Amino acid sequence: MEENIENINVQKDSAGKANNIKMIAGAILIAGVIIAGAILLKGKTPVNPTNPEDKVAIIQIDPVTASDHTQGDPNAKVTMIEYADFQCPFCGKFFVETTQPIIEKYVKTGKVQFVYRDFAFLGPESLKSAEATWCAGDQNKYWEFHDYLFTHQNGENKGSFSDTNLKTFAKGLGLDQTTFDQCLDSGKYTQAVTDSTTRAGKAGIQGTPKSLILKKGKVVDTVDGALDLLTVSAKLDAALK
């Protein structure tokens, strides 16, 4: 499963119900004619089955650069880019049950490069927690903070990732408190996180977690939602062939 953005606003109009009822019979008749015509034409119209490769080929994402947060060999045969929100419960589940084992099995062995990109869409604490990881990165503790957040979720925008708590997390991870606090308070990385989220949206990312599997810089498969380790491993194995 994945957490999705809901942007559909359903509007209902109570007026004209009687007229609508009268129109139903006519609509059914017209629909019947259309369906009948489609059946007659079925044998004459060539059918082009959807090619799964075509679906991933149209995904356009920014190439991995030095500004990305990465783990593993940059020259690995396969790259896995994950888009997630630190408050997303499905992302937390995916991190514990799938991402961590993937890193051990594929990333640390040099087979796959792992890239994490922010898609902070669930609210102010999503933005701030993402900024905090960047601030921790200034002290070479990005991944420690990243992992800590995913294993300490406690509801969305309920104060779990408040500025005060984020600063407490930093202290517990051994970061220089003054440097971290100044970074977070100044909004040093607000734009970076916002830009990452915007670019993800433009690339078609609509929910989290969402991962893309790349080979030679091209998307060859996707991981939609918090899929299990066996499924994701199979996708990576296929890409590595």
C-alpha atoms as a PDB file:
ATOM      1  CA  MET A   1       0.000   0.000   0.000  1.00  0.00           C
ATOM      2  CA  GLU A   2       1.017   3.629  -0.388  1.00  0.00           C
ATOM      3  CA  GLU A   3      -0.171   6.951   0.913  1.00  0.00           C
ATOM      4  CA  ASN A   4      -1.682   9.013  -1.930  1.00  0.00           C
ATOM      5  CA  ILE A   5      -2.457  12.682  -2.565  1.00  0.00           C
ATOM      6  CA  GLU A   6      -6.213  13.224  -2.796  1.00  0.00           C
ATOM      7  CA  ASN A   7      -7.006  16.003  -5.207  1.00  0.00           C
ATOM      8  CA  ILE A   8     -10.443  15.061  -6.448  1.00  0.00           C
ATOM      9  CA  ASN A   9     -13.242  17.320  -5.273  1.00  0.00           C
ATOM     10  CA  VAL A  10     -16.631  15.684  -5.847  1.00  0.00           C
ATOM     11  CA  GLN A  11     -19.474  18.146  -6.365  1.00  0.00           C
ATOM     12  CA  LYS A  12     -23.140  17.179  -6.239  1.00  0.00           C
ATOM     13  CA  ASP A  13     -26.031  19.128  -7.704  1.00  0.00           C
ATOM     14  CA  SER A  14     -29.439  18.324  -6.243  1.00  0.00           C
ATOM     15  CA  ALA A  15     -31.390  20.323  -8.833  1.00  0.00           C
ATOM     16  CA  GLY A  16     -32.902  18.723 -11.890  1.00  0.00           C
ATOM     17  CA  LYS A  17     -33.189  15.191 -10.490  1.00  0.00           C
ATOM     18  CA  ALA A  18     -36.490  14.608 -12.256  1.00  0.00           C
ATOM     19  CA  ASN A  19     -34.995  15.558 -15.616  1.00  0.00           C
ATOM     20  CA  ASN A  20     -32.028  13.278 -15.002  1.00  0.00           C
ATOM     21  CA  ILE A  21     -34.328  10.316 -14.405  1.00  0.00           C
ATOM     22  CA  LYS A  22     -36.094  10.972 -17.697  1.00  0.00           C
ATOM     23  CA  MET A  23     -32.785  11.032 -19.499  1.00  0.00           C
ATOM     24  CA  ILE A  24     -31.593   7.656 -18.153  1.00  0.00           C
ATOM     25  CA  ALA A  25     -33.661   5.575 -20.557  1.00  0.00           C
ATOM     26  CA  GLY A  26     -32.316   7.496 -23.539  1.00  0.00           C
ATOM     27  CA  ALA A  27     -28.750   7.223 -22.271  1.00  0.00           C
ATOM     28  CA  ILE A  28     -29.069   3.465 -21.867  1.00  0.00           C
ATOM     29  CA  LEU A  29     -30.370   3.156 -25.419  1.00  0.00           C
ATOM     30  CA  ILE A  30     -27.471   5.195 -26.814  1.00  0.00           C
ATOM     31  CA  ALA A  31     -24.941   3.200 -24.781  1.00  0.00           C
ATOM     32  CA  GLY A  32     -26.408  -0.006 -26.156  1.00  0.00           C
ATOM     33  CA  VAL A  33     -25.933   1.219 -29.708  1.00  0.00           C
ATOM     34  CA  ILE A  34     -22.310   2.173 -29.014  1.00  0.00           C
ATOM     35  CA  ILE A  35     -21.519  -1.188 -27.427  1.00  0.00           C
ATOM     36  CA  ALA A  36     -23.144  -3.052 -30.298  1.00  0.00           C
ATOM     37  CA  GLY A  37     -21.069  -1.055 -32.778  1.00  0.00           C
ATOM     38  CA  ALA A  38     -17.888  -1.776 -30.830  1.00  0.00           C
ATOM     39  CA  ILE A  39     -18.595  -5.500 -30.894  1.00  0.00           C
ATOM     40  CA  LEU A  40     -19.114  -5.432 -34.655  1.00  0.00           C
ATOM     41  CA  LEU A  41     -15.846  -3.583 -35.177  1.00  0.00           C
ATOM     42  CA  LYS A  42     -13.806  -5.693 -32.779  1.00  0.00           C
ATOM     43  CA  GLY A  43     -12.647  -8.147 -35.413  1.00  0.00           C
ATOM     44  CA  LYS A  44     -11.658  -5.380 -37.816  1.00  0.00           C
ATOM     45  CA  THR A  45      -9.644  -3.142 -35.476  1.00  0.00           C
ATOM     46  CA  PRO A  46      -6.070  -4.200 -34.607  1.00  0.00           C
ATOM     47  CA  VAL A  47      -5.458  -4.461 -30.862  1.00  0.00           C
ATOM     48  CA  ASN A  48      -2.145  -3.140 -29.530  1.00  0.00           C
ATOM     49  CA  PRO A  49      -1.447  -4.691 -26.105  1.00  0.00           C
ATOM     50  CA  THR A  50       0.201  -2.420 -23.574  1.00  0.00           C
ATOM     51  CA  ASN A  51       3.905  -3.037 -23.268  1.00  0.00           C
ATOM     52  CA  PRO A  52       5.050  -2.743 -19.622  1.00  0.00           C
ATOM     53  CA  GLU A  53       8.352  -1.317 -20.851  1.00  0.00           C
ATOM     54  CA  ASP A  54       6.494   1.563 -22.480  1.00  0.00           C
ATOM     55  CA  LYS A  55       5.039   2.583 -19.116  1.00  0.00           C
ATOM     56  CA  VAL A  56       8.426   2.989 -17.433  1.00  0.00           C
ATOM     57  CA  ALA A  57      10.072   4.459 -20.520  1.00  0.00           C
ATOM     58  CA  ILE A  58       7.974   7.626 -20.255  1.00  0.00           C
ATOM     59  CA  ILE A  59       9.041   8.342 -16.666  1.00  0.00           C
ATOM     60  CA  GLN A  60      11.454  11.252 -16.751  1.00  0.00           C
ATOM     61  CA  ILE A  61      13.437  11.938 -13.581  1.00  0.00           C
ATOM     62  CA  ASP A  62      16.468  13.998 -12.705  1.00  0.00           C
ATOM     63  CA  PRO A  63      19.748  12.102 -13.039  1.00  0.00           C
ATOM     64  CA  VAL A  64      21.601  11.210  -9.864  1.00  0.00           C
ATOM     65  CA  THR A  65      24.096  13.921  -8.941  1.00  0.00           C
ATOM     66  CA  ALA A  66      26.460  14.793  -6.105  1.00  0.00           C
ATOM     67  CA  SER A  67      23.653  16.695  -4.386  1.00  0.00           C
ATOM     68  CA  ASP A  68      21.653  13.480  -3.928  1.00  0.00           C
ATOM     69  CA  HIS A  69      21.805  11.376  -0.791  1.00  0.00           C
ATOM     70  CA  THR A  70      23.217   8.045  -1.879  1.00  0.00           C
ATOM     71  CA  GLN A  71      24.562   4.775  -0.550  1.00  0.00           C
ATOM     72  CA  GLY A  72      26.603   2.195  -2.407  1.00  0.00           C
ATOM     73  CA  ASP A  73      28.792   2.132  -5.474  1.00  0.00           C
ATOM     74  CA  PRO A  74      27.974   5.036  -7.838  1.00  0.00           C
ATOM     75  CA  ASN A  75      29.069   2.767 -10.687  1.00  0.00           C
ATOM     76  CA  ALA A  76      26.745  -0.065  -9.688  1.00  0.00           C
ATOM     77  CA  LYS A  77      24.886  -1.773 -12.513  1.00  0.00           C
ATOM     78  CA  VAL A  78      21.502  -0.849 -11.040  1.00  0.00           C
ATOM     79  CA  THR A  79      20.238   2.194  -9.140  1.00  0.00           C
ATOM     80  CA  MET A  80      17.167   2.278  -6.907  1.00  0.00           C
ATOM     81  CA  ILE A  81      15.698   5.723  -6.208  1.00  0.00           C
ATOM     82  CA  GLU A  82      13.171   5.920  -3.389  1.00  0.00           C
ATOM     83  CA  TYR A  83      10.747   8.825  -2.935  1.00  0.00           C
ATOM     84  CA  ALA A  84       9.290   8.983   0.557  1.00  0.00           C
ATOM     85  CA  ASP A  85       7.926  11.122   3.377  1.00  0.00           C
ATOM     86  CA  PHE A  86       9.297  10.632   6.887  1.00  0.00           C
ATOM     87  CA  GLN A  87       5.792  10.815   8.361  1.00  0.00           C
ATOM     88  CA  CYS A  88       4.276   8.272   5.968  1.00  0.00           C
ATOM     89  CA  PRO A  89       3.480   5.070   7.934  1.00  0.00           C
ATOM     90  CA  PHE A  90       3.784   2.923   4.813  1.00  0.00           C
ATOM     91  CA  CYS A  91       7.257   4.399   4.262  1.00  0.00           C
ATOM     92  CA  GLY A  92       8.219   3.415   7.805  1.00  0.00           C
ATOM     93  CA  LYS A  93       7.000  -0.124   7.203  1.00  0.00           C
ATOM     94  CA  PHE A  94       8.809  -0.301   3.875  1.00  0.00           C
ATOM     95  CA  PHE A  95      12.036   0.960   5.443  1.00  0.00           C
ATOM     96  CA  VAL A  96      12.063  -1.628   8.220  1.00  0.00           C
ATOM     97  CA  GLU A  97      10.826  -4.635   6.258  1.00  0.00           C
ATOM     98  CA  THR A  98      12.278  -3.995   2.793  1.00  0.00           C
ATOM     99  CA  THR A  99      14.729  -1.121   2.411  1.00  0.00           C
ATOM    100  CA  GLN A 100      17.062  -2.108   5.240  1.00  0.00           C
ATOM    101  CA  PRO A 101      17.435  -5.725   4.017  1.00  0.00           C
ATOM    102  CA  ILE A 102      17.876  -4.462   0.435  1.00  0.00           C
ATOM    103  CA  ILE A 103      20.712  -2.214   1.579  1.00  0.00           C
ATOM    104  CA  GLU A 104      22.414  -5.130   3.325  1.00  0.00           C
ATOM    105  CA  LYS A 105      21.979  -7.579   0.440  1.00  0.00           C
ATOM    106  CA  TYR A 106      22.405  -5.383  -2.622  1.00  0.00           C
ATOM    107  CA  VAL A 107      23.817  -1.975  -1.707  1.00  0.00           C
ATOM    108  CA  LYS A 108      26.617  -2.894   0.677  1.00  0.00           C
ATOM    109  CA  THR A 109      27.735  -5.630  -1.702  1.00  0.00           C
ATOM    110  CA  GLY A 110      28.142  -3.173  -4.580  1.00  0.00           C
ATOM    111  CA  LYS A 111      25.311  -4.502  -6.735  1.00  0.00           C
ATOM    112  CA  VAL A 112      22.919  -1.573  -6.372  1.00  0.00           C
ATOM    113  CA  GLN A 113      23.246   2.129  -5.644  1.00  0.00           C
ATOM    114  CA  PHE A 114      20.504   3.441  -3.343  1.00  0.00           C
ATOM    115  CA  VAL A 115      19.219   7.006  -3.592  1.00  0.00           C
ATOM    116  CA  TYR A 116      16.730   8.676  -1.248  1.00  0.00           C
ATOM    117  CA  ARG A 117      14.732  11.708  -2.380  1.00  0.00           C
ATOM    118  CA  ASP A 118      12.257  13.734  -0.347  1.00  0.00           C
ATOM    119  CA  PHE A 119       8.597  13.850  -1.274  1.00  0.00           C
ATOM    120  CA  ALA A 120       7.441  15.783   1.783  1.00  0.00           C
ATOM    121  CA  PHE A 121       3.726  16.228   1.171  1.00  0.00           C
ATOM    122  CA  LEU A 122       1.987  15.245   4.409  1.00  0.00           C
ATOM    123  CA  GLY A 123       2.370  18.536   6.257  1.00  0.00           C
ATOM    124  CA  PRO A 124       4.749  20.858   8.116  1.00  0.00           C
ATOM    125  CA  GLU A 125       6.423  18.088  10.105  1.00  0.00           C
ATOM    126  CA  SER A 126       7.219  16.282   6.874  1.00  0.00           C
ATOM    127  CA  LEU A 127       9.061  19.348   5.642  1.00  0.00           C
ATOM    128  CA  LYS A 128      10.889  19.983   8.904  1.00  0.00           C
ATOM    129  CA  SER A 129      11.938  16.376   9.451  1.00  0.00           C
ATOM    130  CA  ALA A 130      13.346  16.249   5.917  1.00  0.00           C
ATOM    131  CA  GLU A 131      15.223  19.497   6.523  1.00  0.00           C
ATOM    132  CA  ALA A 132      16.623  17.993   9.717  1.00  0.00           C
ATOM    133  CA  THR A 133      18.174  15.093   7.793  1.00  0.00           C
ATOM    134  CA  TRP A 134      19.922  17.556   5.493  1.00  0.00           C
ATOM    135  CA  CYS A 135      21.214  19.468   8.527  1.00  0.00           C
ATOM    136  CA  ALA A 136      22.480  16.198   9.976  1.00  0.00           C
ATOM    137  CA  GLY A 137      24.171  15.598   6.636  1.00  0.00           C
ATOM    138  CA  ASP A 138      26.298  18.681   7.238  1.00  0.00           C
ATOM    139  CA  GLN A 139      27.834  16.671  10.073  1.00  0.00           C
ATOM    140  CA  ASN A 140      28.025  13.425   8.081  1.00  0.00           C
ATOM    141  CA  LYS A 141      25.065  11.941   9.936  1.00  0.00           C
ATOM    142  CA  TYR A 142      22.412  12.069   7.218  1.00  0.00           C
ATOM    143  CA  TRP A 143      21.692   8.342   7.121  1.00  0.00           C
ATOM    144  CA  GLU A 144      21.709   7.992  10.898  1.00  0.00           C
ATOM    145  CA  PHE A 145      19.036  10.691  11.163  1.00  0.00           C
ATOM    146  CA  HIS A 146      17.129   9.246   8.173  1.00  0.00           C
ATOM    147  CA  ASP A 147      16.978   5.814   9.814  1.00  0.00           C
ATOM    148  CA  TYR A 148      16.059   7.216  13.218  1.00  0.00           C
ATOM    149  CA  LEU A 149      13.052   9.106  11.853  1.00  0.00           C
ATOM    150  CA  PHE A 150      11.615   6.084  10.084  1.00  0.00           C
ATOM    151  CA  THR A 151      11.885   3.978  13.235  1.00  0.00           C
ATOM    152  CA  HIS A 152      10.384   6.648  15.527  1.00  0.00           C
ATOM    153  CA  GLN A 153       7.165   7.631  13.756  1.00  0.00           C
ATOM    154  CA  ASN A 154       4.172   8.380  15.966  1.00  0.00           C
ATOM    155  CA  GLY A 155       1.359   9.886  13.925  1.00  0.00           C
ATOM    156  CA  GLU A 156       1.216  12.641  11.329  1.00  0.00           C
ATOM    157  CA  ASN A 157       1.606  16.305  12.350  1.00  0.00           C
ATOM    158  CA  LYS A 158       0.953  15.512  15.999  1.00  0.00           C
ATOM    159  CA  GLY A 159       4.217  16.895  17.309  1.00  0.00           C
ATOM    160  CA  SER A 160       6.347  13.773  16.982  1.00  0.00           C
ATOM    161  CA  PHE A 161       8.668  15.594  14.580  1.00  0.00           C
ATOM    162  CA  SER A 162       8.396  19.042  16.135  1.00  0.00           C
ATOM    163  CA  ASP A 163      11.466  21.260  16.054  1.00  0.00           C
ATOM    164  CA  THR A 164      12.080  20.516  19.728  1.00  0.00           C
ATOM    165  CA  ASN A 165      11.984  16.762  19.185  1.00  0.00           C
ATOM    166  CA  LEU A 166      14.154  16.954  16.065  1.00  0.00           C
ATOM    167  CA  LYS A 167      16.774  18.817  18.090  1.00  0.00           C
ATOM    168  CA  THR A 168      16.543  16.184  20.809  1.00  0.00           C
ATOM    169  CA  PHE A 169      17.062  13.463  18.197  1.00  0.00           C
ATOM    170  CA  ALA A 170      20.163  15.302  16.969  1.00  0.00           C
ATOM    171  CA  LYS A 171      21.583  15.419  20.468  1.00  0.00           C
ATOM    172  CA  GLY A 172      20.957  11.711  20.946  1.00  0.00           C
ATOM    173  CA  LEU A 173      22.781  10.961  17.707  1.00  0.00           C
ATOM    174  CA  GLY A 174      25.818  12.883  18.865  1.00  0.00           C
ATOM    175  CA  LEU A 175      25.550  15.883  16.551  1.00  0.00           C
ATOM    176  CA  ASP A 176      26.944  19.261  17.519  1.00  0.00           C
ATOM    177  CA  GLN A 177      23.823  20.829  19.012  1.00  0.00           C
ATOM    178  CA  THR A 178      24.549  24.464  18.254  1.00  0.00           C
ATOM    179  CA  THR A 179      25.410  23.816  14.615  1.00  0.00           C
ATOM    180  CA  PHE A 180      22.372  21.617  14.086  1.00  0.00           C
ATOM    181  CA  ASP A 181      19.976  24.023  15.802  1.00  0.00           C
ATOM    182  CA  GLN A 182      21.213  26.971  13.768  1.00  0.00           C
ATOM    183  CA  CYS A 183      20.804  25.011  10.551  1.00  0.00           C
ATOM    184  CA  LEU A 184      17.253  23.926  11.361  1.00  0.00           C
ATOM    185  CA  ASP A 185      16.129  27.307  12.680  1.00  0.00           C
ATOM    186  CA  SER A 186      17.536  29.185   9.694  1.00  0.00           C
ATOM    187  CA  GLY A 187      15.612  27.135   7.142  1.00  0.00           C
ATOM    188  CA  LYS A 188      18.876  26.447   5.344  1.00  0.00           C
ATOM    189  CA  TYR A 189      17.434  23.456   3.489  1.00  0.00           C
ATOM    190  CA  THR A 190      13.782  24.425   3.196  1.00  0.00           C
ATOM    191  CA  GLN A 191      14.149  25.209  -0.489  1.00  0.00           C
ATOM    192  CA  ALA A 192      16.099  22.028  -1.189  1.00  0.00           C
ATOM    193  CA  VAL A 193      13.345  19.849   0.286  1.00  0.00           C
ATOM    194  CA  THR A 194      10.630  21.883  -1.434  1.00  0.00           C
ATOM    195  CA  ASP A 195      12.414  21.590  -4.773  1.00  0.00           C
ATOM    196  CA  SER A 196      12.826  17.834  -4.352  1.00  0.00           C
ATOM    197  CA  THR A 197       9.108  17.456  -3.669  1.00  0.00           C
ATOM    198  CA  THR A 198       8.190  19.644  -6.641  1.00  0.00           C
ATOM    199  CA  ARG A 199      10.445  17.747  -9.032  1.00  0.00           C
ATOM    200  CA  ALA A 200       9.053  14.439  -7.805  1.00  0.00           C
ATOM    201  CA  GLY A 201       5.538  15.634  -8.545  1.00  0.00           C
ATOM    202  CA  LYS A 202       6.537  16.702 -12.036  1.00  0.00           C
ATOM    203  CA  ALA A 203       8.042  13.248 -12.580  1.00  0.00           C
ATOM    204  CA  GLY A 204       4.655  11.705 -11.807  1.00  0.00           C
ATOM    205  CA  ILE A 205       5.212  10.655  -8.201  1.00  0.00           C
ATOM    206  CA  GLN A 206       1.785  10.744  -6.535  1.00  0.00           C
ATOM    207  CA  GLY A 207       2.229   8.731  -3.371  1.00  0.00           C
ATOM    208  CA  THR A 208       4.788   7.255  -1.014  1.00  0.00           C
ATOM    209  CA  PRO A 209       6.720   5.095  -0.850  1.00  0.00           C
ATOM    210  CA  LYS A 210       7.544   4.979  -4.549  1.00  0.00           C
ATOM    211  CA  SER A 211      10.793   3.595  -5.910  1.00  0.00           C
ATOM    212  CA  LEU A 212      12.255   3.544  -9.387  1.00  0.00           C
ATOM    213  CA  ILE A 213      14.750   0.951 -10.574  1.00  0.00           C
ATOM    214  CA  LEU A 214      17.211   2.265 -13.135  1.00  0.00           C
ATOM    215  CA  LYS A 215      19.702   0.560 -15.411  1.00  0.00           C
ATOM    216  CA  LYS A 216      22.097   2.620 -17.497  1.00  0.00           C
ATOM    217  CA  GLY A 217      20.218   5.710 -16.372  1.00  0.00           C
ATOM    218  CA  LYS A 218      16.838   4.516 -17.627  1.00  0.00           C
ATOM    219  CA  VAL A 219      13.849   3.418 -15.552  1.00  0.00           C
ATOM    220  CA  VAL A 220      13.298  -0.303 -16.098  1.00  0.00           C
ATOM    221  CA  ASP A 221      10.859  -1.042 -13.278  1.00  0.00           C
ATOM    222  CA  THR A 222       8.958   0.555 -10.409  1.00  0.00           C
ATOM    223  CA  VAL A 223       8.130  -0.348  -6.826  1.00  0.00           C
ATOM    224  CA  ASP A 224       4.684   1.022  -6.097  1.00  0.00           C
ATOM    225  CA  GLY A 225       3.922   1.156  -2.397  1.00  0.00           C
ATOM    226  CA  ALA A 226       5.341  -0.801   0.530  1.00  0.00           C
ATOM    227  CA  LEU A 227       5.985  -4.031  -1.340  1.00  0.00           C
ATOM    228  CA  ASP A 228       7.530  -6.977   0.476  1.00  0.00           C
ATOM    229  CA  LEU A 229      11.209  -7.880   0.358  1.00  0.00           C
ATOM    230  CA  LEU A 230      10.712 -10.921  -1.870  1.00  0.00           C
ATOM    231  CA  THR A 231       8.923  -8.900  -4.546  1.00  0.00           C
ATOM    232  CA  VAL A 232      11.438  -6.062  -4.573  1.00  0.00           C
ATOM    233  CA  SER A 233      14.371  -8.502  -4.579  1.00  0.00           C
ATOM    234  CA  ALA A 234      12.906 -10.198  -7.644  1.00  0.00           C
ATOM    235  CA  LYS A 235      12.661  -6.857  -9.418  1.00  0.00           C
ATOM    236  CA  LEU A 236      16.290  -6.014  -8.599  1.00  0.00           C
ATOM    237  CA  ASP A 237      17.500  -9.466  -9.625  1.00  0.00           C
ATOM    238  CA  ALA A 238      15.751  -9.081 -12.968  1.00  0.00           C
ATOM    239  CA  ALA A 239      17.367  -5.681 -13.523  1.00  0.00           C
ATOM    240  CA  LEU A 240      20.799  -7.052 -12.609  1.00  0.00           C
ATOM    241  CA  LYS A 241      20.695  -9.742 -15.301  1.00  0.00           C
END
